[in-house]
C-alpha atoms as a PDB file:
ATOM      1  CA  MET A   1    -103.212  21.233-223.275  1.00  0.00           C
ATOM      2  CA  SER A   2    -104.826  19.203-226.002  1.00  0.00           C
ATOM      3  CA  LEU A   3    -104.199  15.759-227.396  1.00  0.00           C
ATOM      4  CA  PRO A   4    -103.231  15.878-231.094  1.00  0.00           C
ATOM      5  CA  GLN A   5    -104.686  13.607-233.728  1.00  0.00           C
ATOM      6  CA  PRO A   6    -102.401  11.022-235.377  1.00  0.00           C
ATOM      7  CA  ASP A   7    -100.973  11.593-238.827  1.00  0.00           C
ATOM      8  CA  LEU A   8    -103.592  10.503-241.345  1.00  0.00           C
ATOM      9  CA  GLY A   9    -101.059   8.579-243.415  1.00  0.00           C
ATOM     10  CA  VAL A  10     -99.861   6.661-240.377  1.00  0.00           C
ATOM     11  CA  LEU A  11    -103.443   5.921-239.391  1.00  0.00           C
ATOM     12  CA  ARG A  12    -104.281   4.578-242.856  1.00  0.00           C
ATOM     13  CA  LYS A  13    -101.220   2.317-242.801  1.00  0.00           C
ATOM     14  CA  ALA A  14    -102.167   1.033-239.350  1.00  0.00           C
ATOM     15  CA  GLN A  15    -105.657   0.247-240.630  1.00  0.00           C
ATOM     16  CA  ARG A  16    -104.084  -1.914-243.330  1.00  0.00           C
ATOM     17  CA  GLY A  17    -102.155  -3.864-240.705  1.00  0.00           C
ATOM     18  CA  ASP A  18     -98.810  -2.051-240.845  1.00  0.00           C
ATOM     19  CA  GLU A  19     -97.257  -2.937-237.479  1.00  0.00           C
ATOM     20  CA  ARG A  20     -94.703  -0.123-237.596  1.00  0.00           C
ATOM     21  CA  ALA A  21     -97.463   2.443-238.101  1.00  0.00           C
ATOM     22  CA  PHE A  22     -99.481   0.972-235.254  1.00  0.00           C
ATOM     23  CA  THR A  23     -96.415   1.085-233.005  1.00  0.00           C
ATOM     24  CA  LEU A  24     -96.136   4.824-233.700  1.00  0.00           C
ATOM     25  CA  ILE A  25     -99.752   5.260-232.628  1.00  0.00           C
ATOM     26  CA  VAL A  26     -99.200   3.257-229.449  1.00  0.00           C
ATOM     27  CA  ARG A  27     -96.118   5.312-228.572  1.00  0.00           C
ATOM     28  CA  ALA A  28     -98.040   8.554-229.070  1.00  0.00           C
ATOM     29  CA  TYR A  29    -101.043   7.633-226.929  1.00  0.00           C
ATOM     30  CA  GLU A  30     -99.916   4.920-224.525  1.00  0.00           C
ATOM     31  CA  LEU A  31     -98.926   7.311-221.734  1.00  0.00           C
ATOM     32  CA  PRO A  32    -102.112   9.452-221.804  1.00  0.00           C
ATOM     33  CA  VAL A  33    -104.237   6.295-221.800  1.00  0.00           C
ATOM     34  CA  PHE A  34    -102.193   4.708-219.008  1.00  0.00           C
ATOM     35  CA  ASN A  35    -102.328   7.822-216.809  1.00  0.00           C
ATOM     36  CA  TYR A  36    -106.081   8.087-217.341  1.00  0.00           C
ATOM     37  CA  VAL A  37    -106.661   4.415-216.506  1.00  0.00           C
ATOM     38  CA  LEU A  38    -104.328   4.542-213.497  1.00  0.00           C
ATOM     39  CA  ARG A  39    -106.245   7.432-211.964  1.00  0.00           C
ATOM     40  CA  LEU A  40    -109.486   5.510-212.477  1.00  0.00           C
ATOM     41  CA  VAL A  41    -108.462   2.112-211.088  1.00  0.00           C
ATOM     42  CA  GLY A  42    -105.755   3.125-208.602  1.00  0.00           C
ATOM     43  CA  ASP A  43    -103.542   0.110-209.282  1.00  0.00           C
ATOM     44  CA  ARG A  44    -100.418   0.339-211.443  1.00  0.00           C
ATOM     45  CA  SER A  45    -100.252  -3.323-212.443  1.00  0.00           C
ATOM     46  CA  LEU A  46    -103.940  -3.404-213.348  1.00  0.00           C
ATOM     47  CA  ALA A  47    -103.611  -0.129-215.254  1.00  0.00           C
ATOM     48  CA  GLU A  48    -100.727  -1.562-217.282  1.00  0.00           C
ATOM     49  CA  ASP A  49    -102.773  -4.648-218.150  1.00  0.00           C
ATOM     50  CA  LEU A  50    -105.840  -2.611-219.072  1.00  0.00           C
ATOM     51  CA  THR A  51    -103.789  -0.256-221.226  1.00  0.00           C
ATOM     52  CA  GLN A  52    -102.437  -3.220-223.179  1.00  0.00           C
ATOM     53  CA  GLU A  53    -105.961  -4.563-223.599  1.00  0.00           C
ATOM     54  CA  VAL A  54    -107.200  -1.165-224.796  1.00  0.00           C
ATOM     55  CA  PHE A  55    -104.608  -1.060-227.553  1.00  0.00           C
ATOM     56  CA  LEU A  56    -105.359  -4.656-228.489  1.00  0.00           C
ATOM     57  CA  ARG A  57    -108.995  -3.627-228.961  1.00  0.00           C
ATOM     58  CA  VAL A  58    -107.877  -0.576-230.916  1.00  0.00           C
ATOM     59  CA  TYR A  59    -105.732  -2.758-233.182  1.00  0.00           C
ATOM     60  CA  GLN A  60    -108.645  -5.120-233.761  1.00  0.00           C
ATOM     61  CA  GLY A  61    -111.070  -2.277-234.401  1.00  0.00           C
ATOM     62  CA  LEU A  62    -108.882  -0.081-236.605  1.00  0.00           C
ATOM     63  CA  PRO A  63    -109.877  -1.684-239.935  1.00  0.00           C
ATOM     64  CA  SER A  64    -113.484  -0.619-239.367  1.00  0.00           C
ATOM     65  CA  PHE A  65    -112.640   2.784-237.841  1.00  0.00           C
ATOM     66  CA  SER A  66    -114.043   5.668-239.891  1.00  0.00           C
ATOM     67  CA  LEU A  67    -111.455   8.295-240.770  1.00  0.00           C
ATOM     68  CA  ARG A  68    -114.248  10.872-240.597  1.00  0.00           C
ATOM     69  CA  CYS A  69    -114.189  10.450-236.810  1.00  0.00           C
ATOM     70  CA  ARG A  70    -111.594  11.846-234.418  1.00  0.00           C
ATOM     71  CA  PHE A  71    -109.194   9.099-233.400  1.00  0.00           C
ATOM     72  CA  THR A  72    -108.739  10.373-229.840  1.00  0.00           C
ATOM     73  CA  THR A  73    -112.497  10.375-229.276  1.00  0.00           C
ATOM     74  CA  TRP A  74    -112.733   6.755-230.375  1.00  0.00           C
ATOM     75  CA  LEU A  75    -109.601   5.769-228.426  1.00  0.00           C
ATOM     76  CA  PHE A  76    -111.008   7.033-225.142  1.00  0.00           C
ATOM     77  CA  GLN A  77    -114.383   5.517-225.914  1.00  0.00           C
ATOM     78  CA  VAL A  78    -112.632   2.147-226.163  1.00  0.00           C
ATOM     79  CA  THR A  79    -110.739   2.956-222.960  1.00  0.00           C
ATOM     80  CA  LYS A  80    -113.911   3.919-221.100  1.00  0.00           C
ATOM     81  CA  ASN A  81    -115.669   0.700-222.100  1.00  0.00           C
ATOM     82  CA  ARG A  82    -112.755  -1.478-220.992  1.00  0.00           C
ATOM     83  CA  VAL A  83    -112.355   0.327-217.670  1.00  0.00           C
ATOM     84  CA  LEU A  84    -116.075   0.138-216.902  1.00  0.00           C
ATOM     85  CA  ASP A  85    -116.054  -3.589-217.681  1.00  0.00           C
ATOM     86  CA  GLU A  86    -113.199  -4.013-215.221  1.00  0.00           C
ATOM     87  CA  LEU A  87    -114.803  -1.877-212.511  1.00  0.00           C
ATOM     88  CA  ARG A  88    -118.004  -3.908-212.772  1.00  0.00           C
ATOM     89  CA  ALA A  89    -115.991  -7.106-212.476  1.00  0.00           C
ATOM     90  CA  LEU A  90    -114.151  -5.725-209.441  1.00  0.00           C
ATOM     91  CA  GLU A  91    -117.455  -4.985-207.735  1.00  0.00           C
ATOM     92  CA  ARG A  92    -118.347  -8.666-207.992  1.00  0.00           C
ATOM     93  CA  ARG A  93    -115.047  -9.755-206.458  1.00  0.00           C
ATOM     94  CA  PRO A  94    -113.872  -9.448-202.843  1.00  0.00           C
ATOM     95  CA  ARG A  95    -112.766  -5.846-202.468  1.00  0.00           C
ATOM     96  CA  ALA A  96    -109.050  -5.346-202.036  1.00  0.00           C
ATOM     97  CA  VAL A  97    -107.558  -2.396-200.225  1.00  0.00           C
ATOM     98  CA  VAL A  98    -106.092   0.078-202.716  1.00  0.00           C
ATOM     99  CA  ASN A  99    -102.872   1.666-201.548  1.00  0.00           C
ATOM    100  CA  LEU A 100    -102.946   5.237-202.796  1.00  0.00           C
ATOM    101  CA  ASP A 101     -99.175   5.372-202.343  1.00  0.00           C
ATOM    102  CA  ASP A 102     -98.938   3.055-205.362  1.00  0.00           C
ATOM    103  CA  ILE A 103    -100.161   5.890-207.562  1.00  0.00           C
ATOM    104  CA  PRO A 104     -97.104   7.889-208.611  1.00  0.00           C
ATOM    105  CA  PRO A 105     -97.127  11.564-207.720  1.00  0.00           C
ATOM    106  CA  LEU A 106     -97.008  14.162-210.456  1.00  0.00           C
ATOM    107  CA  GLU A 107     -93.446  15.062-211.340  1.00  0.00           C
ATOM    108  CA  VAL A 108     -92.922  18.717-210.518  1.00  0.00           C
ATOM    109  CA  VAL A 109     -89.375  19.948-211.080  1.00  0.00           C
ATOM    110  CA  ASP A 110     -88.128  22.437-208.465  1.00  0.00           C
ATOM    111  CA  ALA A 111     -91.680  23.092-207.321  1.00  0.00           C
ATOM    112  CA  PRO A 112     -92.261  24.713-203.925  1.00  0.00           C
ATOM    113  CA  PHE A 113     -93.266  22.285-201.191  1.00  0.00           C
ATOM    114  CA  GLU A 114     -96.649  23.992-200.853  1.00  0.00           C
ATOM    115  CA  ARG A 115     -97.407  23.437-204.543  1.00  0.00           C
ATOM    116  CA  ILE A 116     -96.535  19.745-204.319  1.00  0.00           C
ATOM    117  CA  GLU A 117     -98.798  19.431-201.282  1.00  0.00           C
ATOM    118  CA  ALA A 118    -101.609  21.143-203.201  1.00  0.00           C
ATOM    119  CA  ILE A 119    -101.204  18.788-206.160  1.00  0.00           C
ATOM    120  CA  ASP A 120    -101.300  15.772-203.842  1.00  0.00           C
ATOM    121  CA  ALA A 121    -104.453  17.165-202.252  1.00  0.00           C
ATOM    122  CA  VAL A 122    -106.062  17.572-205.676  1.00  0.00           C
ATOM    123  CA  TRP A 123    -105.421  13.926-206.515  1.00  0.00           C
ATOM    124  CA  ARG A 124    -106.896  12.861-203.193  1.00  0.00           C
ATOM    125  CA  GLY A 125    -109.984  14.878-204.075  1.00  0.00           C
ATOM    126  CA  VAL A 126    -110.139  13.345-207.546  1.00  0.00           C
ATOM    127  CA  GLU A 127    -109.758   9.846-206.107  1.00  0.00           C
ATOM    128  CA  ALA A 128    -112.842  10.413-203.947  1.00  0.00           C
ATOM    129  CA  LEU A 129    -115.070  11.279-206.934  1.00  0.00           C
ATOM    130  CA  ASN A 130    -117.521   8.757-208.328  1.00  0.00           C
ATOM    131  CA  VAL A 131    -116.409   7.185-211.594  1.00  0.00           C
ATOM    132  CA  ASP A 132    -118.712   9.250-213.825  1.00  0.00           C
ATOM    133  CA  LEU A 133    -117.417  12.558-212.490  1.00  0.00           C
ATOM    134  CA  LYS A 134    -113.847  11.289-212.431  1.00  0.00           C
ATOM    135  CA  MET A 135    -113.896  10.170-216.077  1.00  0.00           C
ATOM    136  CA  ALA A 136    -115.220  13.492-217.313  1.00  0.00           C
ATOM    137  CA  LEU A 137    -112.815  15.557-215.217  1.00  0.00           C
ATOM    138  CA  LEU A 138    -109.729  13.557-216.177  1.00  0.00           C
ATOM    139  CA  LEU A 139    -110.569  13.636-219.880  1.00  0.00           C
ATOM    140  CA  ARG A 140    -110.872  17.412-219.720  1.00  0.00           C
ATOM    141  CA  ASP A 141    -108.244  18.587-217.245  1.00  0.00           C
ATOM    142  CA  VAL A 142    -105.600  15.868-217.661  1.00  0.00           C
ATOM    143  CA  VAL A 143    -106.000  14.318-221.129  1.00  0.00           C
ATOM    144  CA  GLY A 144    -107.110  17.614-222.671  1.00  0.00           C
ATOM    145  CA  LEU A 145    -110.097  16.547-224.754  1.00  0.00           C
ATOM    146  CA  SER A 146    -112.684  19.145-225.737  1.00  0.00           C
ATOM    147  CA  TYR A 147    -116.164  19.034-224.224  1.00  0.00           C
ATOM    148  CA  THR A 148    -117.520  17.691-227.508  1.00  0.00           C
ATOM    149  CA  GLU A 149    -114.867  14.957-227.654  1.00  0.00           C
ATOM    150  CA  ILE A 150    -115.646  13.984-224.070  1.00  0.00           C
ATOM    151  CA  ALA A 151    -119.352  13.760-224.871  1.00  0.00           C
ATOM    152  CA  ASP A 152    -118.596  11.483-227.817  1.00  0.00           C
ATOM    153  CA  SER A 153    -116.089   9.381-225.855  1.00  0.00           C
ATOM    154  CA  LEU A 154    -118.397   8.872-222.880  1.00  0.00           C
ATOM    155  CA  GLU A 155    -121.499   8.658-225.095  1.00  0.00           C
ATOM    156  CA  ILE A 156    -123.388  11.299-223.129  1.00  0.00           C
ATOM    157  CA  THR A 157    -124.822  14.707-223.982  1.00  0.00           C
ATOM    158  CA  LEU A 158    -122.746  17.872-224.030  1.00  0.00           C
ATOM    159  CA  ALA A 159    -124.871  19.303-221.226  1.00  0.00           C
ATOM    160  CA  THR A 160    -124.156  16.243-219.080  1.00  0.00           C
ATOM    161  CA  VAL A 161    -120.427  16.612-219.722  1.00  0.00           C
ATOM    162  CA  LYS A 162    -120.492  20.239-218.608  1.00  0.00           C
ATOM    163  CA  TRP A 163    -122.473  19.390-215.481  1.00  0.00           C
ATOM    164  CA  ARG A 164    -120.189  16.489-214.528  1.00  0.00           C
ATOM    165  CA  ILE A 165    -117.048  18.584-214.945  1.00  0.00           C
ATOM    166  CA  TYR A 166    -118.608  21.451-212.990  1.00  0.00           C
ATOM    167  CA  LYS A 167    -119.666  19.078-210.213  1.00  0.00           C
ATOM    168  CA  ALA A 168    -116.296  17.297-210.160  1.00  0.00           C
ATOM    169  CA  ARG A 169    -114.353  20.549-209.889  1.00  0.00           C
ATOM    170  CA  GLU A 170    -116.717  21.755-207.189  1.00  0.00           C
ATOM    171  CA  GLU A 171    -116.220  18.573-205.143  1.00  0.00           C
ATOM    172  CA  VAL A 172    -112.438  18.740-205.548  1.00  0.00           C
ATOM    173  CA  GLN A 173    -112.483  22.377-204.436  1.00  0.00           C
ATOM    174  CA  LEU A 174    -114.545  21.465-201.376  1.00  0.00           C
ATOM    175  CA  ALA A 175    -112.040  18.709-200.568  1.00  0.00           C
ATOM    176  CA  LEU A 176    -109.191  21.213-200.856  1.00  0.00           C
ATOM    177  CA  GLY A 177    -111.052  23.618-198.616  1.00  0.00           C
ATOM    178  CA  ARG A 178    -111.421  20.929-195.956  1.00  0.00           C
ATOM    179  CA  GLU A 179    -107.634  20.573-196.021  1.00  0.00           C
ATOM    180  CA  GLY A 180    -107.173  24.323-195.687  1.00  0.00           C
ATOM    181  CA  ILE A 181    -105.893  24.803-199.245  1.00  0.00           C
ATOM    182  CA  THR A 182    -107.110  27.808-201.207  1.00  0.00           C
ATOM    183  CA  TYR A 183    -107.639  27.405-204.936  1.00  0.00           C
ATOM    184  CA  GLY A 184    -108.119  30.930-206.201  1.00  0.00           C
ATOM    185  CA  ALA A 185    -110.100  34.060-205.556  1.00  0.00           C
ATOM    186  CA  ASP A 186    -113.873  34.104-205.685  1.00  0.00           C
ATOM    187  CA  THR A 187    -114.923  35.612-209.001  1.00  0.00           C
ATOM    188  CA  GLY A 188    -118.522  35.943-207.949  1.00  0.00           C
ATOM    189  CA  SER A 189    -119.638  34.052-211.036  1.00  0.00           C
ATOM    190  CA  GLY A 190    -120.890  31.071-209.070  1.00  0.00           C
ATOM    191  CA  ALA A 191    -119.100  28.710-211.468  1.00  0.00           C
ATOM    192  CA  ALA A 192    -116.697  26.096-210.225  1.00  0.00           C
ATOM    193  CA  GLU A 193    -113.245  27.049-211.427  1.00  0.00           C
ATOM    194  CA  LYS A 194    -110.478  24.609-212.178  1.00  0.00           C
ATOM    195  CA  PRO A 195    -108.378  23.992-209.048  1.00  0.00           C
ATOM    196  CA  ALA A 196    -104.996  25.680-209.403  1.00  0.00           C
ATOM    197  CA  ALA A 197    -103.076  22.426-209.015  1.00  0.00           C
ATOM    198  CA  ILE A 198    -104.958  20.819-211.900  1.00  0.00           C
ATOM    199  CA  ALA A 199    -104.410  23.937-213.970  1.00  0.00           C
ATOM    200  CA  ALA A 200    -100.702  23.618-213.237  1.00  0.00           C
ATOM    201  CA  VAL A 201    -100.689  20.133-214.741  1.00  0.00           C
ATOM    202  CA  GLU A 202    -101.895  21.564-218.048  1.00  0.00           C
ATOM    203  CA  ALA A 203     -99.336  24.356-218.148  1.00  0.00           C
END
């Protein structure tokens, strides 16, 4: 799974203030951004608000956006900055209890019960990750950005991206193991493979 780039003509029109063109961009990317933010903040209402604010920032920044850059990289850079601002603000406020049941489960049509349970277990493992690991993993395994795009979006080195994704997958796999869920045969490579439930999301 990969996230396509917007049509260049539509992007140019949006840069000139064409509201219809910008609406097309919002429709194309609103759901991936929302799902990414929701998994980071764990609150649907807050995720909706932050998604709106992200696209407001995108609208304001489009005139100066360089068409030589990949739009999706820039979009998730804007998203990352807004989410981190919010997480820092939340740390300074009295901590509320996040109800994980508020996060909608993945929609799996006619999936076996065991597979649904495995997917739920994956999300519990992802939820337990620190924000740095979580951002990198979600951008790769859910949004579908390349390693290079993730590095640009998070403003970190490619090596750091690879390490964070490796570490995140490893921690999710350990969490699955603690719940008695297997995630694939040992290849002997020593590398952390993508948990099967996350791989199923991409299929």
